[in-house]
Amino acid sequence: MSAKKLVQKFYKSDALINSDIMDTFLHPDVLLDWNSSKGFIQINRQEILALASELGKAYVRSKARVSHIVKESDTVVVRYSHYIKTIENPREEMLLAHFMVIWEIKEDKLFRGFQMSQFS
């Protein structure tokens, strides 16, 4: 699978709120540098899986609306908006945040990520 197709498949899936699905996309040595409006964090595979699990407890649905995707070699850049539906209000879709991510792909898995986000 091409790097771009892998990233598209990742963001079309429920990986952001389902750690089992997330697990299938992550390289064993994945690392994500994340700059958000709250500051900088660096998270590894276990922390990414824990985050997906926690999000799955709060949200019944998650949708990434990709507006831009650019591929060069094994690197894919994605710009998307993350929409969610909460357990308390499952009929209303709400914008959670906007994201820009650079993913390096290794062995057909997400290997190294550089992400920036801003809450809506």
N, C-alpha and C. Protein backbone atom coordinates (compact mmCIF):
# COMPACT_ATOMS: atom_id res chain seq x y z
N MET A 1 0.85 -1.17 0.00
CA MET A 1 0.00 0.00 0.00
C MET A 1 0.89 1.24 0.00
N SER A 2 0.51 2.24 -0.75
CA SER A 2 1.30 3.47 -0.79
C SER A 2 1.17 4.22 0.54
N ALA A 3 2.13 5.08 0.80
CA ALA A 3 2.11 5.86 2.04
C ALA A 3 0.86 6.73 2.12
N LYS A 4 0.49 7.33 1.00
CA LYS A 4 -0.69 8.19 0.98
C LYS A 4 -1.96 7.39 1.24
N LYS A 5 -2.08 6.23 0.63
CA LYS A 5 -3.26 5.37 0.84
C LYS A 5 -3.35 4.91 2.29
N LEU A 6 -2.20 4.59 2.89
CA LEU A 6 -2.18 4.19 4.29
C LEU A 6 -2.72 5.29 5.19
N VAL A 7 -2.25 6.51 4.98
CA VAL A 7 -2.69 7.64 5.80
C VAL A 7 -4.17 7.94 5.56
N GLN A 8 -4.62 7.86 4.32
CA GLN A 8 -6.04 8.06 4.04
C GLN A 8 -6.89 7.01 4.75
N LYS A 9 -6.46 5.78 4.69
CA LYS A 9 -7.18 4.69 5.35
C LYS A 9 -7.22 4.90 6.86
N PHE A 10 -6.11 5.36 7.43
CA PHE A 10 -6.02 5.64 8.87
C PHE A 10 -7.07 6.68 9.28
N TYR A 11 -7.12 7.80 8.58
CA TYR A 11 -8.04 8.86 8.97
C TYR A 11 -9.50 8.57 8.62
N LYS A 12 -9.75 7.63 7.72
CA LYS A 12 -11.13 7.21 7.43
C LYS A 12 -11.63 6.18 8.44
N SER A 13 -10.72 5.57 9.16
CA SER A 13 -11.09 4.53 10.14
C SER A 13 -11.50 5.18 11.47
N ASP A 14 -11.84 4.34 12.43
CA ASP A 14 -12.16 4.80 13.78
C ASP A 14 -10.94 4.73 14.70
N ALA A 15 -9.75 4.73 14.13
CA ALA A 15 -8.53 4.58 14.93
C ALA A 15 -8.38 5.65 16.00
N LEU A 16 -8.85 6.86 15.74
CA LEU A 16 -8.67 7.94 16.72
C LEU A 16 -9.44 7.70 18.02
N ILE A 17 -10.46 6.81 17.97
CA ILE A 17 -11.22 6.51 19.19
C ILE A 17 -11.27 5.01 19.49
N ASN A 18 -10.47 4.22 18.79
CA ASN A 18 -10.48 2.78 19.00
C ASN A 18 -9.05 2.27 19.02
N SER A 19 -8.56 1.91 20.19
CA SER A 19 -7.16 1.51 20.32
C SER A 19 -6.83 0.23 19.56
N ASP A 20 -7.81 -0.66 19.38
CA ASP A 20 -7.56 -1.89 18.61
C ASP A 20 -7.28 -1.57 17.14
N ILE A 21 -8.07 -0.65 16.60
CA ILE A 21 -7.84 -0.23 15.22
C ILE A 21 -6.55 0.57 15.13
N MET A 22 -6.34 1.47 16.08
CA MET A 22 -5.12 2.27 16.11
C MET A 22 -3.89 1.38 16.08
N ASP A 23 -3.92 0.31 16.85
CA ASP A 23 -2.80 -0.61 16.96
C ASP A 23 -2.36 -1.16 15.61
N THR A 24 -3.31 -1.38 14.71
CA THR A 24 -2.98 -1.95 13.39
C THR A 24 -2.21 -0.99 12.50
N PHE A 25 -2.28 0.30 12.79
CA PHE A 25 -1.62 1.31 11.96
C PHE A 25 -0.24 1.73 12.48
N LEU A 26 0.06 1.45 13.74
CA LEU A 26 1.27 1.98 14.37
C LEU A 26 2.47 1.05 14.23
N HIS A 27 3.59 1.64 13.89
CA HIS A 27 4.87 0.93 13.89
C HIS A 27 5.25 0.67 15.35
N PRO A 28 5.94 -0.42 15.64
CA PRO A 28 6.33 -0.70 17.04
C PRO A 28 7.13 0.43 17.70
N ASP A 29 7.88 1.19 16.90
CA ASP A 29 8.71 2.27 17.44
C ASP A 29 8.15 3.66 17.15
N VAL A 30 6.83 3.75 16.95
CA VAL A 30 6.21 5.03 16.62
C VAL A 30 6.47 6.07 17.71
N LEU A 31 6.61 7.31 17.28
CA LEU A 31 6.79 8.43 18.18
C LEU A 31 6.08 9.63 17.56
N LEU A 32 5.32 10.37 18.37
CA LEU A 32 4.57 11.53 17.89
C LEU A 32 4.97 12.76 18.69
N ASP A 33 5.48 13.77 18.01
CA ASP A 33 5.73 15.09 18.60
C ASP A 33 4.49 15.92 18.35
N TRP A 34 3.88 16.43 19.43
CA TRP A 34 2.60 17.11 19.29
C TRP A 34 2.68 18.49 19.94
N ASN A 35 2.53 19.51 19.11
CA ASN A 35 2.43 20.90 19.56
C ASN A 35 0.96 21.29 19.52
N SER A 36 0.41 21.61 20.67
CA SER A 36 -1.00 22.00 20.73
C SER A 36 -1.11 23.36 21.41
N SER A 37 -2.33 23.85 21.50
CA SER A 37 -2.56 25.11 22.19
C SER A 37 -2.25 24.97 23.68
N LYS A 38 -2.12 23.73 24.17
CA LYS A 38 -1.79 23.47 25.58
C LYS A 38 -0.29 23.31 25.80
N GLY A 39 0.50 23.20 24.71
CA GLY A 39 1.93 23.02 24.85
C GLY A 39 2.45 21.85 24.03
N PHE A 40 3.67 21.42 24.32
CA PHE A 40 4.32 20.35 23.57
C PHE A 40 4.33 19.06 24.39
N ILE A 41 4.02 17.96 23.72
CA ILE A 41 4.20 16.63 24.31
C ILE A 41 4.81 15.71 23.26
N GLN A 42 5.51 14.71 23.73
CA GLN A 42 6.01 13.66 22.85
C GLN A 42 5.44 12.36 23.41
N ILE A 43 4.75 11.61 22.55
CA ILE A 43 4.12 10.39 23.03
C ILE A 43 4.56 9.19 22.18
N ASN A 44 4.67 8.05 22.88
CA ASN A 44 5.11 6.81 22.22
C ASN A 44 3.89 5.94 21.91
N ARG A 45 4.15 4.75 21.45
CA ARG A 45 3.10 3.82 21.04
C ARG A 45 2.07 3.58 22.14
N GLN A 46 2.53 3.22 23.33
CA GLN A 46 1.61 2.91 24.43
C GLN A 46 0.76 4.13 24.80
N GLU A 47 1.35 5.30 24.78
CA GLU A 47 0.62 6.52 25.12
C GLU A 47 -0.39 6.88 24.02
N ILE A 48 -0.06 6.63 22.77
CA ILE A 48 -1.01 6.87 21.68
C ILE A 48 -2.20 5.92 21.80
N LEU A 49 -1.92 4.65 22.10
CA LEU A 49 -3.00 3.67 22.27
C LEU A 49 -3.88 4.03 23.47
N ALA A 50 -3.26 4.49 24.56
CA ALA A 50 -4.03 4.90 25.74
C ALA A 50 -4.91 6.11 25.43
N LEU A 51 -4.39 7.05 24.64
CA LEU A 51 -5.17 8.23 24.25
C LEU A 51 -6.38 7.82 23.42
N ALA A 52 -6.19 6.93 22.45
CA ALA A 52 -7.30 6.45 21.63
C ALA A 52 -8.35 5.76 22.51
N SER A 53 -7.91 5.00 23.47
CA SER A 53 -8.82 4.31 24.38
C SER A 53 -9.63 5.31 25.19
N GLU A 54 -8.97 6.34 25.71
CA GLU A 54 -9.65 7.37 26.50
C GLU A 54 -10.66 8.14 25.65
N LEU A 55 -10.27 8.48 24.43
CA LEU A 55 -11.19 9.19 23.54
C LEU A 55 -12.42 8.32 23.24
N GLY A 56 -12.20 7.03 23.11
CA GLY A 56 -13.29 6.10 22.85
C GLY A 56 -14.30 6.02 23.98
N LYS A 57 -13.86 6.34 25.20
CA LYS A 57 -14.78 6.34 26.34
C LYS A 57 -15.67 7.58 26.36
N ALA A 58 -15.20 8.67 25.76
CA ALA A 58 -15.94 9.93 25.79
C ALA A 58 -16.76 10.18 24.53
N TYR A 59 -16.33 9.60 23.41
CA TYR A 59 -16.98 9.89 22.12
C TYR A 59 -17.53 8.62 21.50
N VAL A 60 -18.74 8.72 20.94
CA VAL A 60 -19.35 7.57 20.29
C VAL A 60 -19.01 7.53 18.81
N ARG A 61 -18.58 8.66 18.27
CA ARG A 61 -18.23 8.74 16.84
C ARG A 61 -17.14 9.77 16.66
N SER A 62 -16.28 9.49 15.71
CA SER A 62 -15.16 10.38 15.40
C SER A 62 -15.01 10.43 13.89
N LYS A 63 -14.81 11.62 13.37
CA LYS A 63 -14.64 11.75 11.92
C LYS A 63 -13.56 12.79 11.64
N ALA A 64 -12.59 12.40 10.84
CA ALA A 64 -11.54 13.33 10.40
C ALA A 64 -11.90 13.78 8.99
N ARG A 65 -12.13 15.06 8.82
CA ARG A 65 -12.43 15.61 7.49
C ARG A 65 -11.13 16.20 6.93
N VAL A 66 -10.53 15.45 6.03
CA VAL A 66 -9.24 15.83 5.45
C VAL A 66 -9.47 16.89 4.37
N SER A 67 -8.77 18.00 4.50
CA SER A 67 -8.87 19.05 3.47
C SER A 67 -7.66 19.06 2.55
N HIS A 68 -6.51 18.60 3.05
CA HIS A 68 -5.29 18.56 2.25
C HIS A 68 -4.50 17.30 2.60
N ILE A 69 -3.92 16.70 1.58
CA ILE A 69 -3.02 15.57 1.80
C ILE A 69 -1.97 15.60 0.68
N VAL A 70 -0.71 15.61 1.09
CA VAL A 70 0.41 15.71 0.15
C VAL A 70 1.43 14.64 0.49
N LYS A 71 1.90 13.94 -0.54
CA LYS A 71 2.87 12.86 -0.34
C LYS A 71 4.17 13.19 -1.05
N GLU A 72 5.26 12.91 -0.38
CA GLU A 72 6.59 12.97 -0.99
C GLU A 72 7.40 11.83 -0.42
N SER A 73 7.77 10.89 -1.27
CA SER A 73 8.51 9.70 -0.86
C SER A 73 7.69 8.95 0.20
N ASP A 74 8.27 8.69 1.37
CA ASP A 74 7.55 7.99 2.44
C ASP A 74 7.02 8.95 3.50
N THR A 75 6.81 10.19 3.11
CA THR A 75 6.29 11.21 4.03
C THR A 75 4.97 11.74 3.49
N VAL A 76 3.99 11.83 4.39
CA VAL A 76 2.66 12.33 4.02
C VAL A 76 2.27 13.45 4.98
N VAL A 77 1.81 14.56 4.41
CA VAL A 77 1.34 15.70 5.19
C VAL A 77 -0.18 15.75 5.07
N VAL A 78 -0.84 15.89 6.21
CA VAL A 78 -2.31 15.89 6.24
C VAL A 78 -2.80 17.10 7.03
N ARG A 79 -3.79 17.77 6.49
CA ARG A 79 -4.50 18.82 7.22
C ARG A 79 -5.94 18.36 7.33
N TYR A 80 -6.46 18.33 8.57
CA TYR A 80 -7.83 17.86 8.76
C TYR A 80 -8.48 18.53 9.96
N SER A 81 -9.80 18.43 9.99
CA SER A 81 -10.59 18.87 11.14
C SER A 81 -11.21 17.62 11.75
N HIS A 82 -11.15 17.54 13.07
CA HIS A 82 -11.63 16.35 13.79
C HIS A 82 -12.99 16.67 14.41
N TYR A 83 -14.00 15.94 13.96
CA TYR A 83 -15.36 16.08 14.47
C TYR A 83 -15.71 14.87 15.33
N ILE A 84 -16.48 15.11 16.37
CA ILE A 84 -16.85 14.04 17.29
C ILE A 84 -18.34 14.12 17.65
N LYS A 85 -18.85 13.00 18.14
CA LYS A 85 -20.18 12.95 18.75
C LYS A 85 -19.98 12.40 20.16
N THR A 86 -20.49 13.10 21.15
CA THR A 86 -20.30 12.69 22.53
C THR A 86 -21.35 11.69 22.98
N ILE A 87 -21.03 10.99 24.05
CA ILE A 87 -21.97 10.05 24.65
C ILE A 87 -23.21 10.80 25.14
N GLU A 88 -23.01 11.99 25.69
CA GLU A 88 -24.13 12.78 26.22
C GLU A 88 -25.05 13.29 25.12
N ASN A 89 -24.49 13.54 23.94
CA ASN A 89 -25.29 14.11 22.86
C ASN A 89 -24.89 13.45 21.54
N PRO A 90 -25.27 12.18 21.34
CA PRO A 90 -24.79 11.42 20.18
C PRO A 90 -25.35 11.87 18.84
N ARG A 91 -26.36 12.73 18.84
CA ARG A 91 -26.93 13.17 17.57
C ARG A 91 -26.28 14.44 17.03
N GLU A 92 -25.52 15.13 17.87
CA GLU A 92 -24.91 16.39 17.45
C GLU A 92 -23.41 16.20 17.18
N GLU A 93 -23.00 16.53 15.97
CA GLU A 93 -21.59 16.47 15.61
C GLU A 93 -20.95 17.80 15.97
N MET A 94 -19.82 17.73 16.68
CA MET A 94 -19.13 18.94 17.10
C MET A 94 -17.69 18.93 16.61
N LEU A 95 -17.20 20.10 16.25
CA LEU A 95 -15.80 20.24 15.85
C LEU A 95 -14.94 20.22 17.11
N LEU A 96 -14.01 19.29 17.18
CA LEU A 96 -13.11 19.19 18.33
C LEU A 96 -11.89 20.07 18.13
N ALA A 97 -11.20 19.91 16.98
CA ALA A 97 -9.97 20.66 16.75
C ALA A 97 -9.55 20.56 15.29
N HIS A 98 -8.61 21.43 14.92
CA HIS A 98 -7.98 21.40 13.60
C HIS A 98 -6.56 20.86 13.77
N PHE A 99 -6.10 20.06 12.80
CA PHE A 99 -4.80 19.41 12.89
C PHE A 99 -4.01 19.56 11.60
N MET A 100 -2.70 19.59 11.75
CA MET A 100 -1.76 19.49 10.64
C MET A 100 -0.72 18.49 11.09
N VAL A 101 -0.51 17.42 10.31
CA VAL A 101 0.38 16.33 10.71
C VAL A 101 1.30 15.95 9.57
N ILE A 102 2.55 15.72 9.90
CA ILE A 102 3.51 15.15 8.97
C ILE A 102 3.79 13.73 9.48
N TRP A 103 3.50 12.74 8.65
CA TRP A 103 3.75 11.34 9.02
C TRP A 103 4.86 10.76 8.17
N GLU A 104 5.85 10.17 8.81
CA GLU A 104 6.86 9.37 8.13
C GLU A 104 6.40 7.92 8.22
N ILE A 105 6.38 7.24 7.09
CA ILE A 105 5.90 5.86 7.01
C ILE A 105 7.11 4.93 6.93
N LYS A 106 7.07 3.86 7.72
CA LYS A 106 8.13 2.85 7.71
C LYS A 106 7.49 1.48 7.82
N GLU A 107 7.85 0.59 6.91
CA GLU A 107 7.30 -0.77 6.91
C GLU A 107 5.77 -0.77 6.88
N ASP A 108 5.20 0.14 6.07
CA ASP A 108 3.75 0.27 5.91
C ASP A 108 3.02 0.59 7.20
N LYS A 109 3.68 1.32 8.09
CA LYS A 109 3.07 1.72 9.37
C LYS A 109 3.42 3.19 9.65
N LEU A 110 2.61 3.83 10.49
CA LEU A 110 2.91 5.19 10.94
C LEU A 110 4.09 5.11 11.89
N PHE A 111 5.18 5.77 11.52
CA PHE A 111 6.43 5.63 12.26
C PHE A 111 6.81 6.87 13.07
N ARG A 112 6.80 8.01 12.42
CA ARG A 112 7.22 9.25 13.10
C ARG A 112 6.25 10.35 12.72
N GLY A 113 5.64 10.98 13.72
CA GLY A 113 4.66 12.02 13.46
C GLY A 113 5.05 13.34 14.09
N PHE A 114 4.71 14.39 13.38
CA PHE A 114 4.91 15.77 13.84
C PHE A 114 3.58 16.47 13.65
N GLN A 115 2.92 16.80 14.77
CA GLN A 115 1.54 17.26 14.72
C GLN A 115 1.38 18.60 15.42
N MET A 116 0.54 19.43 14.83
CA MET A 116 0.13 20.69 15.45
C MET A 116 -1.39 20.70 15.48
N SER A 117 -1.95 21.19 16.57
CA SER A 117 -3.41 21.24 16.67
C SER A 117 -3.85 22.51 17.39
N GLN A 118 -5.11 22.85 17.13
CA GLN A 118 -5.73 23.97 17.81
C GLN A 118 -7.20 23.63 18.02
N PHE A 119 -7.63 23.74 19.27
CA PHE A 119 -9.04 23.48 19.57
C PHE A 119 -9.90 24.48 18.84
N SER A 120 -11.12 24.05 18.52
CA SER A 120 -12.04 24.94 17.80
C SER A 120 -12.59 26.00 18.72
